[in-house]
């Protein structure tokens, strides 16, 4: 699986970079919406979001994968559904993303049951 070839860390650095791309300021309040904007796309199996998330999670690691490397690995994946599940699982386990990810997934699951 792709997560075995490179190292991916879904920690503070990952969250900070994700939030940089998804920040909204209003009335002096800064909203960091990285996960909130990213999780729906991951749940919907958006490959572009998957590559971006993997790129950010690998940004501080060695060896560093280029975007082209990640695209090729995702394209070559025989089971991309498992890859999405693996990334969501890693997000659920991280101290920095776990609580929001689990809460978001529970909400989605409750809404799907209705």
PDB file of N, CA and C in Angstrom:
ATOM      1  N   UNK A   1       0.847  -1.183   0.000  1.00  0.00           N
ATOM      2  CA  UNK A   1       0.000   0.000   0.000  1.00  0.00           C
ATOM      3  C   UNK A   1       0.890   1.243   0.000  1.00  0.00           C
ATOM      4  N   UNK A   2       0.380   2.311  -0.491  1.00  0.00           N
ATOM      5  CA  UNK A   2       1.120   3.567  -0.646  1.00  0.00           C
ATOM      6  C   UNK A   2       1.674   4.088   0.677  1.00  0.00           C
ATOM      7  N   UNK A   3       0.936   3.911   1.758  1.00  0.00           N
ATOM      8  CA  UNK A   3       1.396   4.443   3.030  1.00  0.00           C
ATOM      9  C   UNK A   3       2.601   3.690   3.566  1.00  0.00           C
ATOM     10  N   UNK A   4       2.935   2.561   2.969  1.00  0.00           N
ATOM     11  CA  UNK A   4       4.129   1.820   3.358  1.00  0.00           C
ATOM     12  C   UNK A   4       5.363   2.306   2.615  1.00  0.00           C
ATOM     13  N   UNK A   5       5.180   2.866   1.438  1.00  0.00           N
ATOM     14  CA  UNK A   5       6.317   3.292   0.618  1.00  0.00           C
ATOM     15  C   UNK A   5       6.949   4.581   1.134  1.00  0.00           C
ATOM     16  N   UNK A   6       6.137   5.488   1.605  1.00  0.00           N
ATOM     17  CA  UNK A   6       6.589   6.759   2.152  1.00  0.00           C
ATOM     18  C   UNK A   6       6.059   6.898   3.575  1.00  0.00           C
ATOM     19  N   UNK A   7       6.640   7.830   4.308  1.00  0.00           N
ATOM     20  CA  UNK A   7       6.183   8.103   5.661  1.00  0.00           C
ATOM     21  C   UNK A   7       5.198   9.263   5.629  1.00  0.00           C
ATOM     22  N   UNK A   8       4.067   9.095   6.307  1.00  0.00           N
ATOM     23  CA  UNK A   8       3.038  10.126   6.364  1.00  0.00           C
ATOM     24  C   UNK A   8       2.690  10.376   7.826  1.00  0.00           C
ATOM     25  N   UNK A   9       2.763  11.638   8.240  1.00  0.00           N
ATOM     26  CA  UNK A   9       2.466  12.007   9.613  1.00  0.00           C
ATOM     27  C   UNK A   9       1.304  12.996   9.606  1.00  0.00           C
ATOM     28  N   UNK A  10       0.241  12.626  10.294  1.00  0.00           N
ATOM     29  CA  UNK A  10      -0.954  13.462  10.370  1.00  0.00           C
ATOM     30  C   UNK A  10      -0.970  14.190  11.710  1.00  0.00           C
ATOM     31  N   UNK A  11       0.127  14.902  11.973  1.00  0.00           N
ATOM     32  CA  UNK A  11       0.314  15.592  13.237  1.00  0.00           C
ATOM     33  C   UNK A  11       0.084  17.090  13.129  1.00  0.00           C
ATOM     34  N   UNK A  12       0.739  17.833  14.024  1.00  0.00           N
ATOM     35  CA  UNK A  12       0.548  19.273  14.088  1.00  0.00           C
ATOM     36  C   UNK A  12       0.972  19.969  12.797  1.00  0.00           C
ATOM     37  N   UNK A  13       2.115  19.583  12.244  1.00  0.00           N
ATOM     38  CA  UNK A  13       2.591  20.199  11.000  1.00  0.00           C
ATOM     39  C   UNK A  13       1.606  19.997   9.865  1.00  0.00           C
ATOM     40  N   UNK A  14       1.065  18.806   9.768  1.00  0.00           N
ATOM     41  CA  UNK A  14       0.051  18.499   8.756  1.00  0.00           C
ATOM     42  C   UNK A  14      -1.166  19.395   8.938  1.00  0.00           C
ATOM     43  N   UNK A  15      -1.677  19.452  10.172  1.00  0.00           N
ATOM     44  CA  UNK A  15      -2.873  20.243  10.456  1.00  0.00           C
ATOM     45  C   UNK A  15      -2.638  21.727  10.188  1.00  0.00           C
ATOM     46  N   UNK A  16      -1.473  22.214  10.568  1.00  0.00           N
ATOM     47  CA  UNK A  16      -1.139  23.626  10.343  1.00  0.00           C
ATOM     48  C   UNK A  16      -1.137  23.952   8.850  1.00  0.00           C
ATOM     49  N   UNK A  17      -0.524  23.088   8.055  1.00  0.00           N
ATOM     50  CA  UNK A  17      -0.487  23.307   6.600  1.00  0.00           C
ATOM     51  C   UNK A  17      -1.881  23.223   5.988  1.00  0.00           C
ATOM     52  N   UNK A  18      -2.672  22.274   6.451  1.00  0.00           N
ATOM     53  CA  UNK A  18      -4.034  22.119   5.947  1.00  0.00           C
ATOM     54  C   UNK A  18      -4.871  23.353   6.285  1.00  0.00           C
ATOM     55  N   UNK A  19      -4.712  23.841   7.509  1.00  0.00           N
ATOM     56  CA  UNK A  19      -5.456  25.030   7.921  1.00  0.00           C
ATOM     57  C   UNK A  19      -5.021  26.285   7.171  1.00  0.00           C
ATOM     58  N   UNK A  20      -3.750  26.361   6.791  1.00  0.00           N
ATOM     59  CA  UNK A  20      -3.275  27.507   5.997  1.00  0.00           C
ATOM     60  C   UNK A  20      -4.068  27.629   4.701  1.00  0.00           C
ATOM     61  N   UNK A  21      -4.422  26.500   4.132  1.00  0.00           N
ATOM     62  CA  UNK A  21      -5.145  26.482   2.858  1.00  0.00           C
ATOM     63  C   UNK A  21      -6.641  26.713   3.039  1.00  0.00           C
ATOM     64  N   UNK A  22      -7.122  26.574   4.264  1.00  0.00           N
ATOM     65  CA  UNK A  22      -8.567  26.645   4.507  1.00  0.00           C
ATOM     66  C   UNK A  22      -8.857  27.492   5.746  1.00  0.00           C
ATOM     67  N   UNK A  23      -8.525  28.767   5.677  1.00  0.00           N
ATOM     68  CA  UNK A  23      -8.763  29.682   6.791  1.00  0.00           C
ATOM     69  C   UNK A  23      -9.714  30.776   6.341  1.00  0.00           C
ATOM     70  N   UNK A  24     -10.621  31.138   7.234  1.00  0.00           N
ATOM     71  CA  UNK A  24     -11.578  32.192   6.930  1.00  0.00           C
ATOM     72  C   UNK A  24     -11.564  33.187   8.084  1.00  0.00           C
ATOM     73  N   UNK A  25     -11.458  34.466   7.758  1.00  0.00           N
ATOM     74  CA  UNK A  25     -11.490  35.503   8.781  1.00  0.00           C
ATOM     75  C   UNK A  25     -12.779  36.291   8.652  1.00  0.00           C
ATOM     76  N   UNK A  26     -13.409  36.542   9.796  1.00  0.00           N
ATOM     77  CA  UNK A  26     -14.651  37.306   9.806  1.00  0.00           C
ATOM     78  C   UNK A  26     -14.787  38.009  11.149  1.00  0.00           C
ATOM     79  N   UNK A  27     -14.975  39.320  11.103  1.00  0.00           N
ATOM     80  CA  UNK A  27     -15.155  40.119  12.315  1.00  0.00           C
ATOM     81  C   UNK A  27     -14.057  39.895  13.346  1.00  0.00           C
ATOM     82  N   UNK A  28     -12.833  39.803  12.880  1.00  0.00           N
ATOM     83  CA  UNK A  28     -11.696  39.624  13.780  1.00  0.00           C
ATOM     84  C   UNK A  28     -11.502  38.206  14.280  1.00  0.00           C
ATOM     85  N   UNK A  29     -12.330  37.297  13.849  1.00  0.00           N
ATOM     86  CA  UNK A  29     -12.246  35.901  14.255  1.00  0.00           C
ATOM     87  C   UNK A  29     -11.664  35.082  13.110  1.00  0.00           C
ATOM     88  N   UNK A  30     -10.661  34.278  13.406  1.00  0.00           N
ATOM     89  CA  UNK A  30     -10.064  33.417  12.392  1.00  0.00           C
ATOM     90  C   UNK A  30     -10.564  31.992  12.587  1.00  0.00           C
ATOM     91  N   UNK A  31     -11.180  31.466  11.553  1.00  0.00           N
ATOM     92  CA  UNK A  31     -11.681  30.092  11.579  1.00  0.00           C
ATOM     93  C   UNK A  31     -10.732  29.207  10.781  1.00  0.00           C
ATOM     94  N   UNK A  32     -10.193  28.197  11.419  1.00  0.00           N
ATOM     95  CA  UNK A  32      -9.320  27.234  10.749  1.00  0.00           C
ATOM     96  C   UNK A  32     -10.183  26.027  10.377  1.00  0.00           C
ATOM     97  N   UNK A  33     -10.403  25.865   9.087  1.00  0.00           N
ATOM     98  CA  UNK A  33     -11.366  24.881   8.606  1.00  0.00           C
ATOM     99  C   UNK A  33     -10.732  23.794   7.739  1.00  0.00           C
ATOM    100  N   UNK A  34      -9.472  23.484   7.993  1.00  0.00           N
ATOM    101  CA  UNK A  34      -8.778  22.507   7.170  1.00  0.00           C
ATOM    102  C   UNK A  34      -9.465  21.163   7.104  1.00  0.00           C
ATOM    103  N   UNK A  35      -9.702  20.557   8.253  1.00  0.00           N
ATOM    104  CA  UNK A  35     -10.355  19.248   8.273  1.00  0.00           C
ATOM    105  C   UNK A  35     -11.803  19.335   7.813  1.00  0.00           C
ATOM    106  N   UNK A  36     -12.499  20.368   8.262  1.00  0.00           N
ATOM    107  CA  UNK A  36     -13.909  20.511   7.909  1.00  0.00           C
ATOM    108  C   UNK A  36     -14.104  20.611   6.398  1.00  0.00           C
ATOM    109  N   UNK A  37     -13.164  21.221   5.706  1.00  0.00           N
ATOM    110  CA  UNK A  37     -13.263  21.336   4.248  1.00  0.00           C
ATOM    111  C   UNK A  37     -12.710  20.121   3.518  1.00  0.00           C
ATOM    112  N   UNK A  38     -11.845  19.377   4.162  1.00  0.00           N
ATOM    113  CA  UNK A  38     -11.171  18.253   3.511  1.00  0.00           C
ATOM    114  C   UNK A  38     -11.914  16.930   3.688  1.00  0.00           C
ATOM    115  N   UNK A  39     -12.441  16.686   4.871  1.00  0.00           N
ATOM    116  CA  UNK A  39     -13.080  15.396   5.148  1.00  0.00           C
ATOM    117  C   UNK A  39     -14.222  15.041   4.199  1.00  0.00           C
ATOM    118  N   UNK A  40     -15.123  15.980   3.859  1.00  0.00           N
ATOM    119  CA  UNK A  40     -16.194  15.598   2.920  1.00  0.00           C
ATOM    120  C   UNK A  40     -15.650  15.090   1.582  1.00  0.00           C
ATOM    121  N   UNK A  41     -14.576  15.696   1.099  1.00  0.00           N
ATOM    122  CA  UNK A  41     -13.999  15.257  -0.170  1.00  0.00           C
ATOM    123  C   UNK A  41     -13.347  13.887  -0.047  1.00  0.00           C
ATOM    124  N   UNK A  42     -12.716  13.614   1.086  1.00  0.00           N
ATOM    125  CA  UNK A  42     -12.130  12.287   1.288  1.00  0.00           C
ATOM    126  C   UNK A  42     -13.226  11.228   1.375  1.00  0.00           C
ATOM    127  N   UNK A  43     -14.289  11.538   2.093  1.00  0.00           N
ATOM    128  CA  UNK A  43     -15.399  10.586   2.225  1.00  0.00           C
ATOM    129  C   UNK A  43     -16.029  10.295   0.862  1.00  0.00           C
ATOM    130  N   UNK A  44     -16.053  11.301   0.004  1.00  0.00           N
ATOM    131  CA  UNK A  44     -16.600  11.131  -1.348  1.00  0.00           C
ATOM    132  C   UNK A  44     -15.582  10.601  -2.344  1.00  0.00           C
ATOM    133  N   UNK A  45     -14.451  10.129  -1.838  1.00  0.00           N
ATOM    134  CA  UNK A  45     -13.402   9.501  -2.657  1.00  0.00           C
ATOM    135  C   UNK A  45     -12.869  10.407  -3.761  1.00  0.00           C
ATOM    136  N   UNK A  46     -12.617  11.665  -3.419  1.00  0.00           N
ATOM    137  CA  UNK A  46     -12.041  12.610  -4.367  1.00  0.00           C
ATOM    138  C   UNK A  46     -10.528  12.399  -4.431  1.00  0.00           C
ATOM    139  N   UNK A  47     -10.041  11.920  -5.550  1.00  0.00           N
ATOM    140  CA  UNK A  47      -8.627  11.573  -5.700  1.00  0.00           C
ATOM    141  C   UNK A  47      -7.709  12.784  -5.586  1.00  0.00           C
ATOM    142  N   UNK A  48      -8.148  13.936  -6.058  1.00  0.00           N
ATOM    143  CA  UNK A  48      -7.323  15.147  -5.957  1.00  0.00           C
ATOM    144  C   UNK A  48      -7.096  15.517  -4.483  1.00  0.00           C
ATOM    145  N   UNK A  49      -8.138  15.407  -3.685  1.00  0.00           N
ATOM    146  CA  UNK A  49      -8.012  15.675  -2.251  1.00  0.00           C
ATOM    147  C   UNK A  49      -7.093  14.655  -1.600  1.00  0.00           C
ATOM    148  N   UNK A  50      -7.211  13.398  -1.998  1.00  0.00           N
ATOM    149  CA  UNK A  50      -6.355  12.347  -1.452  1.00  0.00           C
ATOM    150  C   UNK A  50      -4.885  12.666  -1.697  1.00  0.00           C
ATOM    151  N   UNK A  51      -4.553  13.042  -2.906  1.00  0.00           N
ATOM    152  CA  UNK A  51      -3.161  13.374  -3.239  1.00  0.00           C
ATOM    153  C   UNK A  51      -2.696  14.570  -2.413  1.00  0.00           C
ATOM    154  N   UNK A  52      -3.534  15.589  -2.275  1.00  0.00           N
ATOM    155  CA  UNK A  52      -3.166  16.780  -1.507  1.00  0.00           C
ATOM    156  C   UNK A  52      -2.936  16.442  -0.033  1.00  0.00           C
ATOM    157  N   UNK A  53      -3.800  15.620   0.535  1.00  0.00           N
ATOM    158  CA  UNK A  53      -3.653  15.218   1.932  1.00  0.00           C
ATOM    159  C   UNK A  53      -2.360  14.424   2.121  1.00  0.00           C
ATOM    160  N   UNK A  54      -2.086  13.503   1.224  1.00  0.00           N
ATOM    161  CA  UNK A  54      -0.855  12.716   1.314  1.00  0.00           C
ATOM    162  C   UNK A  54       0.372  13.606   1.158  1.00  0.00           C
ATOM    163  N   UNK A  55       0.292  14.572   0.264  1.00  0.00           N
ATOM    164  CA  UNK A  55       1.420  15.493   0.055  1.00  0.00           C
ATOM    165  C   UNK A  55       1.714  16.277   1.336  1.00  0.00           C
ATOM    166  N   UNK A  56       0.675  16.781   1.980  1.00  0.00           N
ATOM    167  CA  UNK A  56       0.865  17.544   3.217  1.00  0.00           C
ATOM    168  C   UNK A  56       1.360  16.658   4.362  1.00  0.00           C
ATOM    169  N   UNK A  57       0.874  15.431   4.424  1.00  0.00           N
ATOM    170  CA  UNK A  57       1.280  14.516   5.493  1.00  0.00           C
ATOM    171  C   UNK A  57       2.719  14.032   5.315  1.00  0.00           C
ATOM    172  N   UNK A  58       3.233  14.129   4.111  1.00  0.00           N
ATOM    173  CA  UNK A  58       4.600  13.699   3.807  1.00  0.00           C
ATOM    174  C   UNK A  58       5.584  14.866   3.786  1.00  0.00           C
ATOM    175  N   UNK A  59       5.083  16.078   3.880  1.00  0.00           N
ATOM    176  CA  UNK A  59       5.888  17.286   3.676  1.00  0.00           C
ATOM    177  C   UNK A  59       7.111  17.373   4.588  1.00  0.00           C
ATOM    178  N   UNK A  60       7.019  16.895   5.803  1.00  0.00           N
ATOM    179  CA  UNK A  60       8.132  16.994   6.752  1.00  0.00           C
ATOM    180  C   UNK A  60       8.955  15.713   6.826  1.00  0.00           C
ATOM    181  N   UNK A  61       8.626  14.741   5.999  1.00  0.00           N
ATOM    182  CA  UNK A  61       9.249  13.421   6.096  1.00  0.00           C
ATOM    183  C   UNK A  61      10.334  13.203   5.050  1.00  0.00           C
ATOM    184  N   UNK A  62      11.145  12.173   5.292  1.00  0.00           N
ATOM    185  CA  UNK A  62      12.164  11.759   4.346  1.00  0.00           C
ATOM    186  C   UNK A  62      11.981  10.270   4.106  1.00  0.00           C
ATOM    187  N   UNK A  63      11.933   9.807   2.871  1.00  0.00           N
ATOM    188  CA  UNK A  63      12.002  10.582   1.637  1.00  0.00           C
ATOM    189  C   UNK A  63      10.698  11.339   1.395  1.00  0.00           C
ATOM    190  N   UNK A  64      10.829  12.462   0.733  1.00  0.00           N
ATOM    191  CA  UNK A  64       9.665  13.272   0.406  1.00  0.00           C
ATOM    192  C   UNK A  64       9.180  12.888  -0.990  1.00  0.00           C
ATOM    193  N   UNK A  65       7.903  12.610  -1.080  1.00  0.00           N
ATOM    194  CA  UNK A  65       7.296  12.246  -2.358  1.00  0.00           C
ATOM    195  C   UNK A  65       6.882  13.521  -3.087  1.00  0.00           C
ATOM    196  N   UNK A  66       7.137  13.552  -4.372  1.00  0.00           N
ATOM    197  CA  UNK A  66       6.656  14.677  -5.168  1.00  0.00           C
ATOM    198  C   UNK A  66       5.171  14.460  -5.451  1.00  0.00           C
ATOM    199  N   UNK A  67       4.497  15.512  -5.864  1.00  0.00           N
ATOM    200  CA  UNK A  67       3.084  15.369  -6.222  1.00  0.00           C
ATOM    201  C   UNK A  67       2.939  14.355  -7.355  1.00  0.00           C
ATOM    202  N   UNK A  68       3.872  14.390  -8.291  1.00  0.00           N
ATOM    203  CA  UNK A  68       3.848  13.443  -9.418  1.00  0.00           C
ATOM    204  C   UNK A  68       3.973  12.004  -8.913  1.00  0.00           C
ATOM    205  N   UNK A  69       4.874  11.775  -7.942  1.00  0.00           N
ATOM    206  CA  UNK A  69       5.031  10.431  -7.359  1.00  0.00           C
ATOM    207  C   UNK A  69       3.725   9.960  -6.734  1.00  0.00           C
ATOM    208  N   UNK A  70       3.084  10.858  -5.987  1.00  0.00           N
ATOM    209  CA  UNK A  70       1.844  10.494  -5.305  1.00  0.00           C
ATOM    210  C   UNK A  70       0.716  10.216  -6.296  1.00  0.00           C
ATOM    211  N   UNK A  71       0.635  11.032  -7.332  1.00  0.00           N
ATOM    212  CA  UNK A  71      -0.385  10.811  -8.370  1.00  0.00           C
ATOM    213  C   UNK A  71      -0.177   9.447  -9.020  1.00  0.00           C
ATOM    214  N   UNK A  72       1.069   9.139  -9.356  1.00  0.00           N
ATOM    215  CA  UNK A  72       1.369   7.853  -9.986  1.00  0.00           C
ATOM    216  C   UNK A  72       1.042   6.686  -9.060  1.00  0.00           C
ATOM    217  N   UNK A  73       1.355   6.835  -7.773  1.00  0.00           N
ATOM    218  CA  UNK A  73       1.058   5.764  -6.831  1.00  0.00           C
ATOM    219  C   UNK A  73      -0.446   5.568  -6.646  1.00  0.00           C
ATOM    220  N   UNK A  74      -1.185   6.663  -6.591  1.00  0.00           N
ATOM    221  CA  UNK A  74      -2.635   6.560  -6.453  1.00  0.00           C
ATOM    222  C   UNK A  74      -3.231   5.938  -7.715  1.00  0.00           C
ATOM    223  N   UNK A  75      -2.752   6.382  -8.884  1.00  0.00           N
ATOM    224  CA  UNK A  75      -3.244   5.819 -10.149  1.00  0.00           C
ATOM    225  C   UNK A  75      -2.959   4.332 -10.249  1.00  0.00           C
ATOM    226  N   UNK A  76      -1.822   3.903  -9.718  1.00  0.00           N
ATOM    227  CA  UNK A  76      -1.415   2.507  -9.812  1.00  0.00           C
ATOM    228  C   UNK A  76      -2.080   1.628  -8.755  1.00  0.00           C
ATOM    229  N   UNK A  77      -2.745   2.250  -7.792  1.00  0.00           N
ATOM    230  CA  UNK A  77      -3.375   1.495  -6.717  1.00  0.00           C
ATOM    231  C   UNK A  77      -4.485   0.615  -7.283  1.00  0.00           C
ATOM    232  N   UNK A  78      -4.438  -0.662  -6.926  1.00  0.00           N
ATOM    233  CA  UNK A  78      -5.465  -1.595  -7.383  1.00  0.00           C
ATOM    234  C   UNK A  78      -6.711  -1.530  -6.519  1.00  0.00           C
ATOM    235  N   UNK A  79      -6.585  -0.913  -5.336  1.00  0.00           N
ATOM    236  CA  UNK A  79      -7.714  -0.830  -4.417  1.00  0.00           C
ATOM    237  C   UNK A  79      -7.745   0.562  -3.791  1.00  0.00           C
ATOM    238  N   UNK A  80      -8.142   1.547  -4.582  1.00  0.00           N
ATOM    239  CA  UNK A  80      -8.127   2.937  -4.121  1.00  0.00           C
ATOM    240  C   UNK A  80      -9.107   3.154  -2.969  1.00  0.00           C
ATOM    241  N   UNK A  81     -10.170   2.361  -2.913  1.00  0.00           N
ATOM    242  CA  UNK A  81     -11.130   2.473  -1.821  1.00  0.00           C
ATOM    243  C   UNK A  81     -10.455   2.185  -0.477  1.00  0.00           C
ATOM    244  N   UNK A  82      -9.588   1.184  -0.456  1.00  0.00           N
ATOM    245  CA  UNK A  82      -8.845   0.864   0.764  1.00  0.00           C
ATOM    246  C   UNK A  82      -7.865   1.972   1.119  1.00  0.00           C
ATOM    247  N   UNK A  83      -7.334   2.614   0.109  1.00  0.00           N
ATOM    248  CA  UNK A  83      -6.408   3.726   0.339  1.00  0.00           C
ATOM    249  C   UNK A  83      -7.123   4.886   1.026  1.00  0.00           C
ATOM    250  N   UNK A  84      -8.320   5.231   0.555  1.00  0.00           N
ATOM    251  CA  UNK A  84      -9.116   6.270   1.224  1.00  0.00           C
ATOM    252  C   UNK A  84      -9.405   5.865   2.668  1.00  0.00           C
ATOM    253  N   UNK A  85      -9.774   4.607   2.879  1.00  0.00           N
ATOM    254  CA  UNK A  85     -10.074   4.117   4.228  1.00  0.00           C
ATOM    255  C   UNK A  85      -8.836   4.179   5.120  1.00  0.00           C
ATOM    256  N   UNK A  86      -7.686   3.871   4.559  1.00  0.00           N
ATOM    257  CA  UNK A  86      -6.440   3.907   5.331  1.00  0.00           C
ATOM    258  C   UNK A  86      -6.105   5.332   5.769  1.00  0.00           C
ATOM    259  N   UNK A  87      -6.284   6.292   4.877  1.00  0.00           N
ATOM    260  CA  UNK A  87      -6.014   7.695   5.205  1.00  0.00           C
ATOM    261  C   UNK A  87      -7.012   8.186   6.250  1.00  0.00           C
ATOM    262  N   UNK A  88      -8.292   7.875   6.077  1.00  0.00           N
ATOM    263  CA  UNK A  88      -9.291   8.268   7.079  1.00  0.00           C
ATOM    264  C   UNK A  88      -8.991   7.618   8.425  1.00  0.00           C
ATOM    265  N   UNK A  89      -8.536   6.378   8.402  1.00  0.00           N
ATOM    266  CA  UNK A  89      -8.157   5.698   9.639  1.00  0.00           C
ATOM    267  C   UNK A  89      -6.997   6.391  10.335  1.00  0.00           C
ATOM    268  N   UNK A  90      -6.005   6.824   9.564  1.00  0.00           N
ATOM    269  CA  UNK A  90      -4.864   7.543  10.137  1.00  0.00           C
ATOM    270  C   UNK A  90      -5.299   8.884  10.718  1.00  0.00           C
ATOM    271  N   UNK A  91      -6.224   9.559  10.035  1.00  0.00           N
ATOM    272  CA  UNK A  91      -6.740  10.828  10.548  1.00  0.00           C
ATOM    273  C   UNK A  91      -7.516  10.618  11.851  1.00  0.00           C
ATOM    274  N   UNK A  92      -8.232   9.502  11.967  1.00  0.00           N
ATOM    275  CA  UNK A  92      -8.993   9.197  13.180  1.00  0.00           C
ATOM    276  C   UNK A  92      -8.066   8.906  14.359  1.00  0.00           C
ATOM    277  N   UNK A  93      -6.878   8.380  14.089  1.00  0.00           N
ATOM    278  CA  UNK A  93      -5.955   7.973  15.148  1.00  0.00           C
ATOM    279  C   UNK A  93      -5.026   9.090  15.624  1.00  0.00           C
ATOM    280  N   UNK A  94      -4.851  10.111  14.842  1.00  0.00           N
ATOM    281  CA  UNK A  94      -3.924  11.188  15.193  1.00  0.00           C
ATOM    282  C   UNK A  94      -4.437  12.007  16.373  1.00  0.00           C
ATOM    283  N   UNK A  95      -3.525  12.388  17.263  1.00  0.00           N
ATOM    284  CA  UNK A  95      -3.888  13.267  18.376  1.00  0.00           C
ATOM    285  C   UNK A  95      -4.364  14.629  17.895  1.00  0.00           C
ATOM    286  N   UNK A  96      -3.928  15.059  16.732  1.00  0.00           N
ATOM    287  CA  UNK A  96      -4.236  16.394  16.241  1.00  0.00           C
ATOM    288  C   UNK A  96      -5.475  16.437  15.346  1.00  0.00           C
ATOM    289  N   UNK A  97      -5.856  15.331  14.774  1.00  0.00           N
ATOM    290  CA  UNK A  97      -7.006  15.309  13.862  1.00  0.00           C
ATOM    291  C   UNK A  97      -8.085  14.318  14.285  1.00  0.00           C
ATOM    292  N   UNK A  98      -7.777  13.460  15.230  1.00  0.00           N
ATOM    293  CA  UNK A  98      -8.672  12.363  15.586  1.00  0.00           C
ATOM    294  C   UNK A  98     -10.038  12.770  16.087  1.00  0.00           C
ATOM    295  N   UNK A  99     -10.084  13.687  17.034  1.00  0.00           N
ATOM    296  CA  UNK A  99     -11.367  14.054  17.633  1.00  0.00           C
ATOM    297  C   UNK A  99     -12.319  14.635  16.598  1.00  0.00           C
ATOM    298  N   UNK A 100     -11.835  15.583  15.800  1.00  0.00           N
ATOM    299  CA  UNK A 100     -12.697  16.190  14.774  1.00  0.00           C
ATOM    300  C   UNK A 100     -13.099  15.179  13.711  1.00  0.00           C
ATOM    301  N   UNK A 101     -12.158  14.331  13.320  1.00  0.00           N
ATOM    302  CA  UNK A 101     -12.448  13.343  12.279  1.00  0.00           C
ATOM    303  C   UNK A 101     -13.501  12.354  12.761  1.00  0.00           C
ATOM    304  N   UNK A 102     -13.329  11.834  13.962  1.00  0.00           N
ATOM    305  CA  UNK A 102     -14.306  10.870  14.491  1.00  0.00           C
ATOM    306  C   UNK A 102     -15.688  11.506  14.632  1.00  0.00           C
ATOM    307  N   UNK A 103     -15.730  12.724  15.141  1.00  0.00           N
ATOM    308  CA  UNK A 103     -17.004  13.430  15.324  1.00  0.00           C
ATOM    309  C   UNK A 103     -17.680  13.662  13.968  1.00  0.00           C
ATOM    310  N   UNK A 104     -16.889  14.073  12.976  1.00  0.00           N
ATOM    311  CA  UNK A 104     -17.425  14.320  11.640  1.00  0.00           C
ATOM    312  C   UNK A 104     -17.980  13.027  11.044  1.00  0.00           C
ATOM    313  N   UNK A 105     -17.232  11.933  11.149  1.00  0.00           N
ATOM    314  CA  UNK A 105     -17.673  10.658  10.589  1.00  0.00           C
ATOM    315  C   UNK A 105     -18.927  10.136  11.293  1.00  0.00           C
ATOM    316  N   UNK A 106     -19.021  10.340  12.607  1.00  0.00           N
ATOM    317  CA  UNK A 106     -20.224   9.943  13.340  1.00  0.00           C
ATOM    318  C   UNK A 106     -21.438  10.734  12.856  1.00  0.00           C
ATOM    319  N   UNK A 107     -21.247  12.015  12.610  1.00  0.00           N
ATOM    320  CA  UNK A 107     -22.342  12.857  12.113  1.00  0.00           C
ATOM    321  C   UNK A 107     -22.792  12.382  10.742  1.00  0.00           C
ATOM    322  N   UNK A 108     -21.857  12.085   9.877  1.00  0.00           N
ATOM    323  CA  UNK A 108     -22.180  11.601   8.535  1.00  0.00           C
ATOM    324  C   UNK A 108     -22.949  10.286   8.629  1.00  0.00           C
ATOM    325  N   UNK A 109     -22.472   9.401   9.489  1.00  0.00           N
ATOM    326  CA  UNK A 109     -23.130   8.103   9.643  1.00  0.00           C
ATOM    327  C   UNK A 109     -24.555   8.255  10.163  1.00  0.00           C
ATOM    328  N   UNK A 110     -24.756   9.136  11.151  1.00  0.00           N
ATOM    329  CA  UNK A 110     -26.101   9.386  11.683  1.00  0.00           C
ATOM    330  C   UNK A 110     -27.018   9.939  10.602  1.00  0.00           C
ATOM    331  N   UNK A 111     -26.498  10.873   9.790  1.00  0.00           N
ATOM    332  CA  UNK A 111     -27.298  11.465   8.722  1.00  0.00           C
ATOM    333  C   UNK A 111     -27.641  10.448   7.644  1.00  0.00           C
ATOM    334  N   UNK A 112     -26.767   9.502   7.393  1.00  0.00           N
ATOM    335  CA  UNK A 112     -27.035   8.469   6.390  1.00  0.00           C
ATOM    336  C   UNK A 112     -28.076   7.462   6.868  1.00  0.00           C
ATOM    337  N   UNK A 113     -28.214   7.331   8.187  1.00  0.00           N
ATOM    338  CA  UNK A 113     -29.186   6.400   8.746  1.00  0.00           C
ATOM    339  C   UNK A 113     -30.607   6.945   8.646  1.00  0.00           C
ATOM    340  N   UNK A 114     -30.756   8.243   8.506  1.00  0.00           N
ATOM    341  CA  UNK A 114     -32.076   8.871   8.463  1.00  0.00           C
ATOM    342  C   UNK A 114     -32.767   8.653   7.144  1.00  0.00           C
TER     343      UNK A 114
END
